[in-house]
Amino acid sequence: ISIESEPSGSQIYIHNEDTDKKTPFVFVNLAPGNYPITLRLDGYIDTTIVKKVQANGNSVVEVSLSKK
């Protein structure tokens, strides 16, 4: 999964767990399934989307964050 945000530098959480990664970032070798992805950045509303990962597939997540 390639995860990008506008603005960049958002903290990435998957299944509500901090990944210690910030956007933009690419996660590789994820098992197939549904992944709730939350992006958090100071001054912006937390945004969560669910992305389905398929075997041998490439997914791109692009999120525009809204200011608080």
N, C-alpha and C. Protein backbone atom coordinates (compact mmCIF):
# COMPACT_ATOMS: atom_id res chain seq x y z
N ILE A 1 0.86 -1.18 0.00
CA ILE A 1 0.00 0.00 0.00
C ILE A 1 0.90 1.24 0.00
N SER A 2 0.67 2.10 -0.94
CA SER A 2 1.35 3.40 -0.96
C SER A 2 0.40 4.40 -0.32
N ILE A 3 0.85 5.07 0.74
CA ILE A 3 0.00 6.01 1.47
C ILE A 3 0.58 7.41 1.35
N GLU A 4 -0.26 8.32 0.85
CA GLU A 4 0.14 9.71 0.68
C GLU A 4 -0.92 10.60 1.30
N SER A 5 -0.48 11.77 1.77
CA SER A 5 -1.45 12.71 2.32
C SER A 5 -1.07 14.12 1.92
N GLU A 6 -2.09 14.97 1.94
CA GLU A 6 -1.89 16.39 1.72
C GLU A 6 -2.44 17.11 2.93
N PRO A 7 -1.66 17.75 3.76
CA PRO A 7 -0.19 17.85 3.64
C PRO A 7 0.50 16.53 4.03
N SER A 8 1.74 16.40 3.62
CA SER A 8 2.51 15.20 3.95
C SER A 8 2.99 15.28 5.40
N GLY A 9 3.55 14.18 5.89
CA GLY A 9 4.06 14.15 7.25
C GLY A 9 3.07 13.64 8.27
N SER A 10 1.95 13.08 7.81
CA SER A 10 0.94 12.54 8.72
C SER A 10 1.42 11.23 9.32
N GLN A 11 1.15 11.05 10.61
CA GLN A 11 1.48 9.79 11.27
C GLN A 11 0.51 8.73 10.79
N ILE A 12 1.03 7.53 10.46
CA ILE A 12 0.20 6.46 9.91
C ILE A 12 -0.09 5.41 10.99
N TYR A 13 -1.39 5.12 11.17
CA TYR A 13 -1.84 4.06 12.07
C TYR A 13 -2.58 3.02 11.24
N ILE A 14 -2.29 1.74 11.48
CA ILE A 14 -3.01 0.65 10.83
C ILE A 14 -3.60 -0.22 11.93
N HIS A 15 -4.90 -0.50 11.84
CA HIS A 15 -5.62 -1.23 12.90
C HIS A 15 -5.40 -0.53 14.25
N ASN A 16 -5.42 0.80 14.26
CA ASN A 16 -5.25 1.62 15.47
C ASN A 16 -3.89 1.46 16.13
N GLU A 17 -2.90 0.93 15.41
CA GLU A 17 -1.55 0.80 15.96
C GLU A 17 -0.61 1.73 15.23
N ASP A 18 0.18 2.47 15.99
CA ASP A 18 1.14 3.40 15.42
C ASP A 18 2.22 2.62 14.67
N THR A 19 2.41 2.95 13.40
CA THR A 19 3.41 2.24 12.59
C THR A 19 4.79 2.87 12.69
N ASP A 20 4.89 4.03 13.35
CA ASP A 20 6.13 4.80 13.40
C ASP A 20 6.55 5.31 12.03
N LYS A 21 5.61 5.38 11.10
CA LYS A 21 5.88 5.86 9.74
C LYS A 21 5.03 7.09 9.47
N LYS A 22 5.55 7.94 8.59
CA LYS A 22 4.82 9.15 8.18
C LYS A 22 4.68 9.17 6.67
N THR A 23 3.62 9.86 6.23
CA THR A 23 3.38 9.96 4.78
C THR A 23 4.41 10.88 4.14
N PRO A 24 4.80 10.59 2.91
CA PRO A 24 4.42 9.40 2.12
C PRO A 24 5.24 8.18 2.52
N PHE A 25 4.61 7.01 2.44
CA PHE A 25 5.30 5.77 2.78
C PHE A 25 4.65 4.61 2.02
N VAL A 26 5.45 3.58 1.70
CA VAL A 26 4.94 2.40 1.02
C VAL A 26 5.14 1.18 1.91
N PHE A 27 4.04 0.49 2.22
CA PHE A 27 4.11 -0.76 2.97
C PHE A 27 4.10 -1.90 1.96
N VAL A 28 5.03 -2.84 2.12
CA VAL A 28 5.10 -3.99 1.20
C VAL A 28 4.86 -5.28 1.95
N ASN A 29 4.49 -6.30 1.20
CA ASN A 29 4.28 -7.65 1.73
C ASN A 29 3.21 -7.72 2.82
N LEU A 30 2.14 -6.96 2.66
CA LEU A 30 1.02 -7.06 3.59
C LEU A 30 0.14 -8.23 3.18
N ALA A 31 -0.36 -8.95 4.16
CA ALA A 31 -1.27 -10.06 3.88
C ALA A 31 -2.57 -9.52 3.30
N PRO A 32 -3.23 -10.28 2.42
CA PRO A 32 -4.52 -9.83 1.89
C PRO A 32 -5.52 -9.61 3.02
N GLY A 33 -6.37 -8.62 2.83
CA GLY A 33 -7.40 -8.33 3.83
C GLY A 33 -7.75 -6.86 3.83
N ASN A 34 -8.61 -6.47 4.76
CA ASN A 34 -9.01 -5.08 4.90
C ASN A 34 -8.17 -4.41 5.98
N TYR A 35 -7.69 -3.23 5.66
CA TYR A 35 -6.81 -2.49 6.56
C TYR A 35 -7.41 -1.12 6.86
N PRO A 36 -7.86 -0.89 8.11
CA PRO A 36 -8.25 0.46 8.48
C PRO A 36 -7.00 1.29 8.70
N ILE A 37 -6.90 2.37 7.95
CA ILE A 37 -5.72 3.24 7.99
C ILE A 37 -6.16 4.60 8.50
N THR A 38 -5.51 5.07 9.57
CA THR A 38 -5.80 6.38 10.13
C THR A 38 -4.57 7.26 9.97
N LEU A 39 -4.82 8.48 9.49
CA LEU A 39 -3.75 9.47 9.38
C LEU A 39 -4.00 10.57 10.39
N ARG A 40 -2.95 10.92 11.14
CA ARG A 40 -3.05 11.95 12.18
C ARG A 40 -1.95 12.99 11.99
N LEU A 41 -2.35 14.24 12.07
CA LEU A 41 -1.40 15.35 11.96
C LEU A 41 -1.92 16.50 12.82
N ASP A 42 -1.04 17.08 13.63
CA ASP A 42 -1.45 18.19 14.49
C ASP A 42 -2.12 19.29 13.67
N GLY A 43 -3.25 19.77 14.18
CA GLY A 43 -3.97 20.84 13.52
C GLY A 43 -4.97 20.36 12.48
N TYR A 44 -5.02 19.03 12.26
CA TYR A 44 -5.93 18.46 11.27
C TYR A 44 -6.80 17.39 11.91
N ILE A 45 -7.96 17.14 11.30
CA ILE A 45 -8.88 16.12 11.78
C ILE A 45 -8.33 14.75 11.42
N ASP A 46 -8.32 13.83 12.41
CA ASP A 46 -7.91 12.44 12.12
C ASP A 46 -8.81 11.89 11.02
N THR A 47 -8.20 11.23 10.05
CA THR A 47 -8.95 10.68 8.93
C THR A 47 -8.69 9.19 8.82
N THR A 48 -9.77 8.39 8.77
CA THR A 48 -9.63 6.94 8.66
C THR A 48 -10.33 6.46 7.40
N ILE A 49 -9.64 5.59 6.67
CA ILE A 49 -10.23 4.92 5.52
C ILE A 49 -9.92 3.44 5.65
N VAL A 50 -10.70 2.61 4.99
CA VAL A 50 -10.43 1.17 4.97
C VAL A 50 -10.01 0.80 3.55
N LYS A 51 -8.85 0.19 3.43
CA LYS A 51 -8.33 -0.21 2.13
C LYS A 51 -8.23 -1.72 2.06
N LYS A 52 -8.75 -2.29 0.98
CA LYS A 52 -8.68 -3.74 0.79
C LYS A 52 -7.38 -4.06 0.05
N VAL A 53 -6.61 -4.98 0.62
CA VAL A 53 -5.36 -5.42 0.01
C VAL A 53 -5.60 -6.80 -0.60
N GLN A 54 -5.24 -6.93 -1.86
CA GLN A 54 -5.38 -8.20 -2.54
C GLN A 54 -4.00 -8.80 -2.78
N ALA A 55 -3.93 -10.11 -2.89
CA ALA A 55 -2.65 -10.79 -3.12
C ALA A 55 -2.02 -10.26 -4.41
N ASN A 56 -0.75 -9.94 -4.33
CA ASN A 56 0.03 -9.46 -5.47
C ASN A 56 -0.54 -8.20 -6.10
N GLY A 57 -1.28 -7.43 -5.33
CA GLY A 57 -1.86 -6.20 -5.86
C GLY A 57 -1.17 -4.97 -5.31
N ASN A 58 -1.28 -3.88 -6.05
CA ASN A 58 -0.75 -2.60 -5.59
C ASN A 58 -1.92 -1.68 -5.29
N SER A 59 -1.88 -1.03 -4.15
CA SER A 59 -2.92 -0.10 -3.76
C SER A 59 -2.31 1.25 -3.45
N VAL A 60 -3.04 2.30 -3.81
CA VAL A 60 -2.60 3.65 -3.49
C VAL A 60 -3.69 4.32 -2.67
N VAL A 61 -3.28 4.93 -1.57
CA VAL A 61 -4.19 5.68 -0.72
C VAL A 61 -3.73 7.13 -0.76
N GLU A 62 -4.63 8.01 -1.20
CA GLU A 62 -4.34 9.45 -1.22
C GLU A 62 -5.42 10.14 -0.41
N VAL A 63 -5.00 10.87 0.63
CA VAL A 63 -5.96 11.50 1.53
C VAL A 63 -5.62 12.98 1.66
N SER A 64 -6.65 13.83 1.51
CA SER A 64 -6.50 15.26 1.80
C SER A 64 -7.07 15.50 3.19
N LEU A 65 -6.23 15.96 4.09
CA LEU A 65 -6.67 16.18 5.47
C LEU A 65 -7.36 17.53 5.59
N SER A 66 -8.36 17.59 6.49
CA SER A 66 -9.10 18.81 6.74
C SER A 66 -8.61 19.44 8.03
N LYS A 67 -8.45 20.77 8.00
CA LYS A 67 -8.03 21.48 9.21
C LYS A 67 -9.11 21.42 10.27
N LYS A 68 -8.66 21.41 11.55
CA LYS A 68 -9.60 21.40 12.67
C LYS A 68 -10.32 22.73 12.75
